[in-house]
């Protein structure tokens, strides 16, 4: 049982490292923006949809925190990366 757990941990770490490496390799592609630029786009989109400044700022901060934690986010067709 312990050996199965250790194998699962090693596989999970390998997956996470490969995912991070792939994300860094794709960061220079066309259509990628930074998390901060994505947050500004989210705020502008929310303001266009009729949200107030506080609501738009809240959505922007939520996107930014999510993007910084996960390392990626999506705004329309654009991919935001940390």
PDB file of N, CA and C in Angstrom:
ATOM      1  N   UNK A   1       0.826  -1.195   0.000  1.00  0.00           N
ATOM      2  CA  UNK A   1       0.000   0.000   0.000  1.00  0.00           C
ATOM      3  C   UNK A   1       0.870   1.260   0.000  1.00  0.00           C
ATOM      4  N   UNK A   2       1.922   1.205   0.802  1.00  0.00           N
ATOM      5  CA  UNK A   2       2.795   2.364   0.880  1.00  0.00           C
ATOM      6  C   UNK A   2       3.505   2.596  -0.456  1.00  0.00           C
ATOM      7  N   UNK A   3       3.881   1.517  -1.117  1.00  0.00           N
ATOM      8  CA  UNK A   3       4.553   1.629  -2.402  1.00  0.00           C
ATOM      9  C   UNK A   3       3.621   2.253  -3.445  1.00  0.00           C
ATOM     10  N   UNK A   4       2.351   1.882  -3.419  1.00  0.00           N
ATOM     11  CA  UNK A   4       1.379   2.465  -4.349  1.00  0.00           C
ATOM     12  C   UNK A   4       1.225   3.960  -4.093  1.00  0.00           C
ATOM     13  N   UNK A   5       1.219   4.362  -2.825  1.00  0.00           N
ATOM     14  CA  UNK A   5       1.118   5.779  -2.477  1.00  0.00           C
ATOM     15  C   UNK A   5       2.337   6.539  -3.000  1.00  0.00           C
ATOM     16  N   UNK A   6       3.524   5.968  -2.788  1.00  0.00           N
ATOM     17  CA  UNK A   6       4.750   6.626  -3.256  1.00  0.00           C
ATOM     18  C   UNK A   6       4.758   6.765  -4.775  1.00  0.00           C
ATOM     19  N   UNK A   7       4.288   5.747  -5.475  1.00  0.00           N
ATOM     20  CA  UNK A   7       4.213   5.812  -6.931  1.00  0.00           C
ATOM     21  C   UNK A   7       3.234   6.896  -7.366  1.00  0.00           C
ATOM     22  N   UNK A   8       2.097   6.976  -6.681  1.00  0.00           N
ATOM     23  CA  UNK A   8       1.103   8.003  -7.013  1.00  0.00           C
ATOM     24  C   UNK A   8       1.670   9.403  -6.796  1.00  0.00           C
ATOM     25  N   UNK A   9       2.418   9.601  -5.724  1.00  0.00           N
ATOM     26  CA  UNK A   9       3.015  10.907  -5.438  1.00  0.00           C
ATOM     27  C   UNK A   9       4.035  11.269  -6.516  1.00  0.00           C
ATOM     28  N   UNK A  10       4.869  10.316  -6.903  1.00  0.00           N
ATOM     29  CA  UNK A  10       5.877  10.571  -7.936  1.00  0.00           C
ATOM     30  C   UNK A  10       5.207  10.902  -9.269  1.00  0.00           C
ATOM     31  N   UNK A  11       4.157  10.171  -9.618  1.00  0.00           N
ATOM     32  CA  UNK A  11       3.438  10.452 -10.865  1.00  0.00           C
ATOM     33  C   UNK A  11       2.794  11.835 -10.839  1.00  0.00           C
ATOM     34  N   UNK A  12       2.204  12.207  -9.707  1.00  0.00           N
ATOM     35  CA  UNK A  12       1.587  13.527  -9.580  1.00  0.00           C
ATOM     36  C   UNK A  12       2.631  14.632  -9.720  1.00  0.00           C
ATOM     37  N   UNK A  13       3.759  14.475  -9.049  1.00  0.00           N
ATOM     38  CA  UNK A  13       4.817  15.482  -9.159  1.00  0.00           C
ATOM     39  C   UNK A  13       5.350  15.572 -10.591  1.00  0.00           C
ATOM     40  N   UNK A  14       5.491  14.443 -11.253  1.00  0.00           N
ATOM     41  CA  UNK A  14       5.933  14.446 -12.649  1.00  0.00           C
ATOM     42  C   UNK A  14       4.954  15.172 -13.550  1.00  0.00           C
ATOM     43  N   UNK A  15       3.664  14.924 -13.326  1.00  0.00           N
ATOM     44  CA  UNK A  15       2.633  15.611 -14.116  1.00  0.00           C
ATOM     45  C   UNK A  15       2.690  17.116 -13.891  1.00  0.00           C
ATOM     46  N   UNK A  16       2.796  17.534 -12.635  1.00  0.00           N
ATOM     47  CA  UNK A  16       2.819  18.965 -12.331  1.00  0.00           C
ATOM     48  C   UNK A  16       4.054  19.643 -12.922  1.00  0.00           C
ATOM     49  N   UNK A  17       5.194  18.978 -12.863  1.00  0.00           N
ATOM     50  CA  UNK A  17       6.409  19.559 -13.428  1.00  0.00           C
ATOM     51  C   UNK A  17       6.321  19.648 -14.951  1.00  0.00           C
ATOM     52  N   UNK A  18       5.775  18.632 -15.590  1.00  0.00           N
ATOM     53  CA  UNK A  18       5.618  18.660 -17.048  1.00  0.00           C
ATOM     54  C   UNK A  18       4.627  19.741 -17.468  1.00  0.00           C
ATOM     55  N   UNK A  19       3.550  19.894 -16.707  1.00  0.00           N
ATOM     56  CA  UNK A  19       2.557  20.922 -17.007  1.00  0.00           C
ATOM     57  C   UNK A  19       3.171  22.312 -16.899  1.00  0.00           C
ATOM     58  N   UNK A  20       3.960  22.543 -15.870  1.00  0.00           N
ATOM     59  CA  UNK A  20       4.604  23.841 -15.675  1.00  0.00           C
ATOM     60  C   UNK A  20       5.619  24.111 -16.788  1.00  0.00           C
ATOM     61  N   UNK A  21       6.378  23.101 -17.168  1.00  0.00           N
ATOM     62  CA  UNK A  21       7.355  23.275 -18.248  1.00  0.00           C
ATOM     63  C   UNK A  21       6.657  23.585 -19.566  1.00  0.00           C
ATOM     64  N   UNK A  22       5.568  22.897 -19.850  1.00  0.00           N
ATOM     65  CA  UNK A  22       4.814  23.151 -21.078  1.00  0.00           C
ATOM     66  C   UNK A  22       4.227  24.560 -21.071  1.00  0.00           C
ATOM     67  N   UNK A  23       3.742  24.993 -19.912  1.00  0.00           N
ATOM     68  CA  UNK A  23       3.160  26.327 -19.808  1.00  0.00           C
ATOM     69  C   UNK A  23       4.231  27.394 -20.058  1.00  0.00           C
ATOM     70  N   UNK A  24       5.427  27.192 -19.523  1.00  0.00           N
ATOM     71  CA  UNK A  24       6.507  28.154 -19.745  1.00  0.00           C
ATOM     72  C   UNK A  24       6.930  28.175 -21.212  1.00  0.00           C
ATOM     73  N   UNK A  25       6.918  27.031 -21.850  1.00  0.00           N
ATOM     74  CA  UNK A  25       7.290  26.968 -23.265  1.00  0.00           C
ATOM     75  C   UNK A  25       6.270  27.692 -24.136  1.00  0.00           C
ATOM     76  N   UNK A  26       5.001  27.666 -23.735  1.00  0.00           N
ATOM     77  CA  UNK A  26       3.947  28.307 -24.513  1.00  0.00           C
ATOM     78  C   UNK A  26       3.790  29.784 -24.189  1.00  0.00           C
ATOM     79  N   UNK A  27       4.489  30.283 -23.190  1.00  0.00           N
ATOM     80  CA  UNK A  27       4.294  31.666 -22.743  1.00  0.00           C
ATOM     81  C   UNK A  27       4.653  32.686 -23.811  1.00  0.00           C
ATOM     82  N   UNK A  28       5.559  32.347 -24.705  1.00  0.00           N
ATOM     83  CA  UNK A  28       5.966  33.296 -25.732  1.00  0.00           C
ATOM     84  C   UNK A  28       5.112  33.265 -26.982  1.00  0.00           C
ATOM     85  N   UNK A  29       4.111  32.420 -27.018  1.00  0.00           N
ATOM     86  CA  UNK A  29       3.276  32.304 -28.210  1.00  0.00           C
ATOM     87  C   UNK A  29       2.398  33.535 -28.404  1.00  0.00           C
ATOM     88  N   UNK A  30       1.971  33.718 -29.642  1.00  0.00           N
ATOM     89  CA  UNK A  30       1.039  34.797 -29.959  1.00  0.00           C
ATOM     90  C   UNK A  30      -0.289  34.491 -29.275  1.00  0.00           C
ATOM     91  N   UNK A  31      -0.910  35.505 -28.724  1.00  0.00           N
ATOM     92  CA  UNK A  31      -2.201  35.308 -28.066  1.00  0.00           C
ATOM     93  C   UNK A  31      -2.081  35.082 -26.575  1.00  0.00           C
ATOM     94  N   UNK A  32      -0.878  35.268 -26.023  1.00  0.00           N
ATOM     95  CA  UNK A  32      -0.726  35.150 -24.580  1.00  0.00           C
ATOM     96  C   UNK A  32      -0.476  36.530 -23.986  1.00  0.00           C
ATOM     97  N   UNK A  33      -0.997  36.734 -22.810  1.00  0.00           N
ATOM     98  CA  UNK A  33      -0.847  37.997 -22.093  1.00  0.00           C
ATOM     99  C   UNK A  33      -0.475  37.675 -20.652  1.00  0.00           C
ATOM    100  N   UNK A  34      -0.089  38.695 -19.896  1.00  0.00           N
ATOM    101  CA  UNK A  34       0.216  38.476 -18.488  1.00  0.00           C
ATOM    102  C   UNK A  34      -1.078  38.456 -17.682  1.00  0.00           C
ATOM    103  N   UNK A  35      -0.975  37.967 -16.460  1.00  0.00           N
ATOM    104  CA  UNK A  35      -2.148  37.919 -15.584  1.00  0.00           C
ATOM    105  C   UNK A  35      -2.686  39.327 -15.306  1.00  0.00           C
ATOM    106  N   UNK A  36      -1.777  40.292 -15.160  1.00  0.00           N
ATOM    107  CA  UNK A  36      -2.210  41.667 -14.889  1.00  0.00           C
ATOM    108  C   UNK A  36      -2.947  42.268 -16.085  1.00  0.00           C
ATOM    109  N   UNK A  37      -2.471  41.981 -17.283  1.00  0.00           N
ATOM    110  CA  UNK A  37      -3.170  42.462 -18.479  1.00  0.00           C
ATOM    111  C   UNK A  37      -4.536  41.799 -18.597  1.00  0.00           C
ATOM    112  N   UNK A  38      -4.609  40.523 -18.260  1.00  0.00           N
ATOM    113  CA  UNK A  38      -5.885  39.807 -18.285  1.00  0.00           C
ATOM    114  C   UNK A  38      -6.872  40.390 -17.297  1.00  0.00           C
ATOM    115  N   UNK A  39      -6.374  40.769 -16.116  1.00  0.00           N
ATOM    116  CA  UNK A  39      -7.245  41.362 -15.104  1.00  0.00           C
ATOM    117  C   UNK A  39      -7.820  42.689 -15.592  1.00  0.00           C
ATOM    118  N   UNK A  40      -7.007  43.474 -16.289  1.00  0.00           N
ATOM    119  CA  UNK A  40      -7.500  44.738 -16.841  1.00  0.00           C
ATOM    120  C   UNK A  40      -8.559  44.495 -17.911  1.00  0.00           C
ATOM    121  N   UNK A  41      -8.358  43.465 -18.729  1.00  0.00           N
ATOM    122  CA  UNK A  41      -9.361  43.134 -19.747  1.00  0.00           C
ATOM    123  C   UNK A  41     -10.668  42.674 -19.112  1.00  0.00           C
ATOM    124  N   UNK A  42     -10.566  41.907 -18.030  1.00  0.00           N
ATOM    125  CA  UNK A  42     -11.766  41.452 -17.323  1.00  0.00           C
ATOM    126  C   UNK A  42     -12.517  42.649 -16.754  1.00  0.00           C
ATOM    127  N   UNK A  43     -11.782  43.604 -16.189  1.00  0.00           N
ATOM    128  CA  UNK A  43     -12.423  44.793 -15.624  1.00  0.00           C
ATOM    129  C   UNK A  43     -13.111  45.610 -16.714  1.00  0.00           C
ATOM    130  N   UNK A  44     -12.432  45.798 -17.837  1.00  0.00           N
ATOM    131  CA  UNK A  44     -13.027  46.559 -18.940  1.00  0.00           C
ATOM    132  C   UNK A  44     -14.272  45.862 -19.476  1.00  0.00           C
ATOM    133  N   UNK A  45     -14.217  44.552 -19.576  1.00  0.00           N
ATOM    134  CA  UNK A  45     -15.368  43.784 -20.058  1.00  0.00           C
ATOM    135  C   UNK A  45     -16.541  43.902 -19.094  1.00  0.00           C
ATOM    136  N   UNK A  46     -16.254  43.852 -17.800  1.00  0.00           N
ATOM    137  CA  UNK A  46     -17.317  43.963 -16.803  1.00  0.00           C
ATOM    138  C   UNK A  46     -17.957  45.349 -16.836  1.00  0.00           C
ATOM    139  N   UNK A  47     -17.142  46.380 -17.028  1.00  0.00           N
ATOM    140  CA  UNK A  47     -17.688  47.738 -17.114  1.00  0.00           C
ATOM    141  C   UNK A  47     -18.578  47.888 -18.348  1.00  0.00           C
ATOM    142  N   UNK A  48     -18.176  47.260 -19.463  1.00  0.00           N
ATOM    143  CA  UNK A  48     -18.992  47.309 -20.685  1.00  0.00           C
ATOM    144  C   UNK A  48     -20.324  46.597 -20.498  1.00  0.00           C
ATOM    145  N   UNK A  49     -20.328  45.575 -19.656  1.00  0.00           N
ATOM    146  CA  UNK A  49     -21.553  44.801 -19.428  1.00  0.00           C
ATOM    147  C   UNK A  49     -22.493  45.481 -18.442  1.00  0.00           C
ATOM    148  N   UNK A  50     -22.074  46.614 -17.882  1.00  0.00           N
ATOM    149  CA  UNK A  50     -22.953  47.369 -17.014  1.00  0.00           C
ATOM    150  C   UNK A  50     -22.675  47.225 -15.529  1.00  0.00           C
ATOM    151  N   UNK A  51     -21.631  46.520 -15.154  1.00  0.00           N
ATOM    152  CA  UNK A  51     -21.277  46.423 -13.744  1.00  0.00           C
ATOM    153  C   UNK A  51     -20.723  47.762 -13.274  1.00  0.00           C
ATOM    154  N   UNK A  52     -20.904  48.047 -12.006  1.00  0.00           N
ATOM    155  CA  UNK A  52     -20.326  49.250 -11.433  1.00  0.00           C
ATOM    156  C   UNK A  52     -18.830  49.078 -11.248  1.00  0.00           C
ATOM    157  N   UNK A  53     -18.168  50.144 -10.818  1.00  0.00           N
ATOM    158  CA  UNK A  53     -16.722  50.104 -10.646  1.00  0.00           C
ATOM    159  C   UNK A  53     -16.313  49.087  -9.588  1.00  0.00           C
ATOM    160  N   UNK A  54     -17.074  49.008  -8.506  1.00  0.00           N
ATOM    161  CA  UNK A  54     -16.743  48.068  -7.430  1.00  0.00           C
ATOM    162  C   UNK A  54     -16.892  46.627  -7.915  1.00  0.00           C
ATOM    163  N   UNK A  55     -17.969  46.347  -8.625  1.00  0.00           N
ATOM    164  CA  UNK A  55     -18.187  44.999  -9.148  1.00  0.00           C
ATOM    165  C   UNK A  55     -17.140  44.605 -10.173  1.00  0.00           C
ATOM    166  N   UNK A  56     -16.789  45.542 -11.046  1.00  0.00           N
ATOM    167  CA  UNK A  56     -15.771  45.266 -12.063  1.00  0.00           C
ATOM    168  C   UNK A  56     -14.405  45.047 -11.418  1.00  0.00           C
ATOM    169  N   UNK A  57     -14.098  45.852 -10.401  1.00  0.00           N
ATOM    170  CA  UNK A  57     -12.827  45.677  -9.695  1.00  0.00           C
ATOM    171  C   UNK A  57     -12.778  44.337  -8.979  1.00  0.00           C
ATOM    172  N   UNK A  58     -13.906  43.927  -8.421  1.00  0.00           N
ATOM    173  CA  UNK A  58     -13.974  42.636  -7.741  1.00  0.00           C
ATOM    174  C   UNK A  58     -13.718  41.488  -8.715  1.00  0.00           C
ATOM    175  N   UNK A  59     -14.320  41.561  -9.891  1.00  0.00           N
ATOM    176  CA  UNK A  59     -14.094  40.521 -10.900  1.00  0.00           C
ATOM    177  C   UNK A  59     -12.639  40.517 -11.359  1.00  0.00           C
ATOM    178  N   UNK A  60     -12.075  41.699 -11.502  1.00  0.00           N
ATOM    179  CA  UNK A  60     -10.682  41.817 -11.918  1.00  0.00           C
ATOM    180  C   UNK A  60      -9.748  41.199 -10.879  1.00  0.00           C
ATOM    181  N   UNK A  61      -9.977  41.504  -9.606  1.00  0.00           N
ATOM    182  CA  UNK A  61      -9.147  40.955  -8.534  1.00  0.00           C
ATOM    183  C   UNK A  61      -9.304  39.447  -8.429  1.00  0.00           C
ATOM    184  N   UNK A  62     -10.527  38.958  -8.631  1.00  0.00           N
ATOM    185  CA  UNK A  62     -10.761  37.520  -8.589  1.00  0.00           C
ATOM    186  C   UNK A  62      -9.990  36.821  -9.705  1.00  0.00           C
ATOM    187  N   UNK A  63     -10.041  37.382 -10.911  1.00  0.00           N
ATOM    188  CA  UNK A  63      -9.296  36.801 -12.031  1.00  0.00           C
ATOM    189  C   UNK A  63      -7.802  36.816 -11.742  1.00  0.00           C
ATOM    190  N   UNK A  64      -7.306  37.938 -11.242  1.00  0.00           N
ATOM    191  CA  UNK A  64      -5.876  38.071 -10.985  1.00  0.00           C
ATOM    192  C   UNK A  64      -5.406  37.063  -9.944  1.00  0.00           C
ATOM    193  N   UNK A  65      -6.140  36.936  -8.852  1.00  0.00           N
ATOM    194  CA  UNK A  65      -5.716  35.995  -7.814  1.00  0.00           C
ATOM    195  C   UNK A  65      -5.759  34.564  -8.328  1.00  0.00           C
ATOM    196  N   UNK A  66      -6.791  34.232  -9.082  1.00  0.00           N
ATOM    197  CA  UNK A  66      -6.887  32.888  -9.648  1.00  0.00           C
ATOM    198  C   UNK A  66      -5.750  32.630 -10.635  1.00  0.00           C
ATOM    199  N   UNK A  67      -5.452  33.607 -11.455  1.00  0.00           N
ATOM    200  CA  UNK A  67      -4.399  33.466 -12.459  1.00  0.00           C
ATOM    201  C   UNK A  67      -3.028  33.319 -11.800  1.00  0.00           C
ATOM    202  N   UNK A  68      -2.781  34.093 -10.757  1.00  0.00           N
ATOM    203  CA  UNK A  68      -1.488  34.015 -10.087  1.00  0.00           C
ATOM    204  C   UNK A  68      -1.315  32.698  -9.341  1.00  0.00           C
ATOM    205  N   UNK A  69      -2.397  32.163  -8.792  1.00  0.00           N
ATOM    206  CA  UNK A  69      -2.308  30.896  -8.059  1.00  0.00           C
ATOM    207  C   UNK A  69      -2.103  29.731  -9.015  1.00  0.00           C
ATOM    208  N   UNK A  70      -2.899  29.680 -10.083  1.00  0.00           N
ATOM    209  CA  UNK A  70      -2.818  28.545 -11.003  1.00  0.00           C
ATOM    210  C   UNK A  70      -1.743  28.726 -12.068  1.00  0.00           C
ATOM    211  N   UNK A  71      -1.352  29.971 -12.321  1.00  0.00           N
ATOM    212  CA  UNK A  71      -0.353  30.238 -13.345  1.00  0.00           C
ATOM    213  C   UNK A  71      -0.939  30.499 -14.712  1.00  0.00           C
ATOM    214  N   UNK A  72      -2.268  30.446 -14.818  1.00  0.00           N
ATOM    215  CA  UNK A  72      -2.916  30.684 -16.119  1.00  0.00           C
ATOM    216  C   UNK A  72      -4.355  31.117 -15.919  1.00  0.00           C
ATOM    217  N   UNK A  73      -4.886  31.753 -16.941  1.00  0.00           N
ATOM    218  CA  UNK A  73      -6.282  32.166 -16.964  1.00  0.00           C
ATOM    219  C   UNK A  73      -6.668  32.436 -18.409  1.00  0.00           C
ATOM    220  N   UNK A  74      -7.951  32.521 -18.669  1.00  0.00           N
ATOM    221  CA  UNK A  74      -8.402  32.741 -20.045  1.00  0.00           C
ATOM    222  C   UNK A  74      -9.387  33.894 -20.080  1.00  0.00           C
ATOM    223  N   UNK A  75      -9.133  34.824 -21.006  1.00  0.00           N
ATOM    224  CA  UNK A  75     -10.016  35.953 -21.248  1.00  0.00           C
ATOM    225  C   UNK A  75     -10.389  35.907 -22.719  1.00  0.00           C
ATOM    226  N   UNK A  76     -11.575  35.457 -23.012  1.00  0.00           N
ATOM    227  CA  UNK A  76     -11.978  35.297 -24.405  1.00  0.00           C
ATOM    228  C   UNK A  76     -11.091  34.276 -25.094  1.00  0.00           C
ATOM    229  N   UNK A  77     -10.433  34.704 -26.175  1.00  0.00           N
ATOM    230  CA  UNK A  77      -9.530  33.811 -26.902  1.00  0.00           C
ATOM    231  C   UNK A  77      -8.088  33.916 -26.418  1.00  0.00           C
ATOM    232  N   UNK A  78      -7.824  34.841 -25.510  1.00  0.00           N
ATOM    233  CA  UNK A  78      -6.464  35.060 -25.029  1.00  0.00           C
ATOM    234  C   UNK A  78      -6.179  34.204 -23.801  1.00  0.00           C
ATOM    235  N   UNK A  79      -4.948  33.746 -23.702  1.00  0.00           N
ATOM    236  CA  UNK A  79      -4.498  32.970 -22.555  1.00  0.00           C
ATOM    237  C   UNK A  79      -3.583  33.864 -21.729  1.00  0.00           C
ATOM    238  N   UNK A  80      -3.916  34.019 -20.452  1.00  0.00           N
ATOM    239  CA  UNK A  80      -3.083  34.803 -19.543  1.00  0.00           C
ATOM    240  C   UNK A  80      -2.190  33.844 -18.769  1.00  0.00           C
ATOM    241  N   UNK A  81      -0.922  34.187 -18.679  1.00  0.00           N
ATOM    242  CA  UNK A  81       0.039  33.344 -17.958  1.00  0.00           C
ATOM    243  C   UNK A  81       0.842  34.206 -17.008  1.00  0.00           C
ATOM    244  N   UNK A  82       1.261  33.576 -15.935  1.00  0.00           N
ATOM    245  CA  UNK A  82       2.060  34.258 -14.918  1.00  0.00           C
ATOM    246  C   UNK A  82       3.476  34.422 -15.399  1.00  0.00           C
TER     247      UNK A  82
END
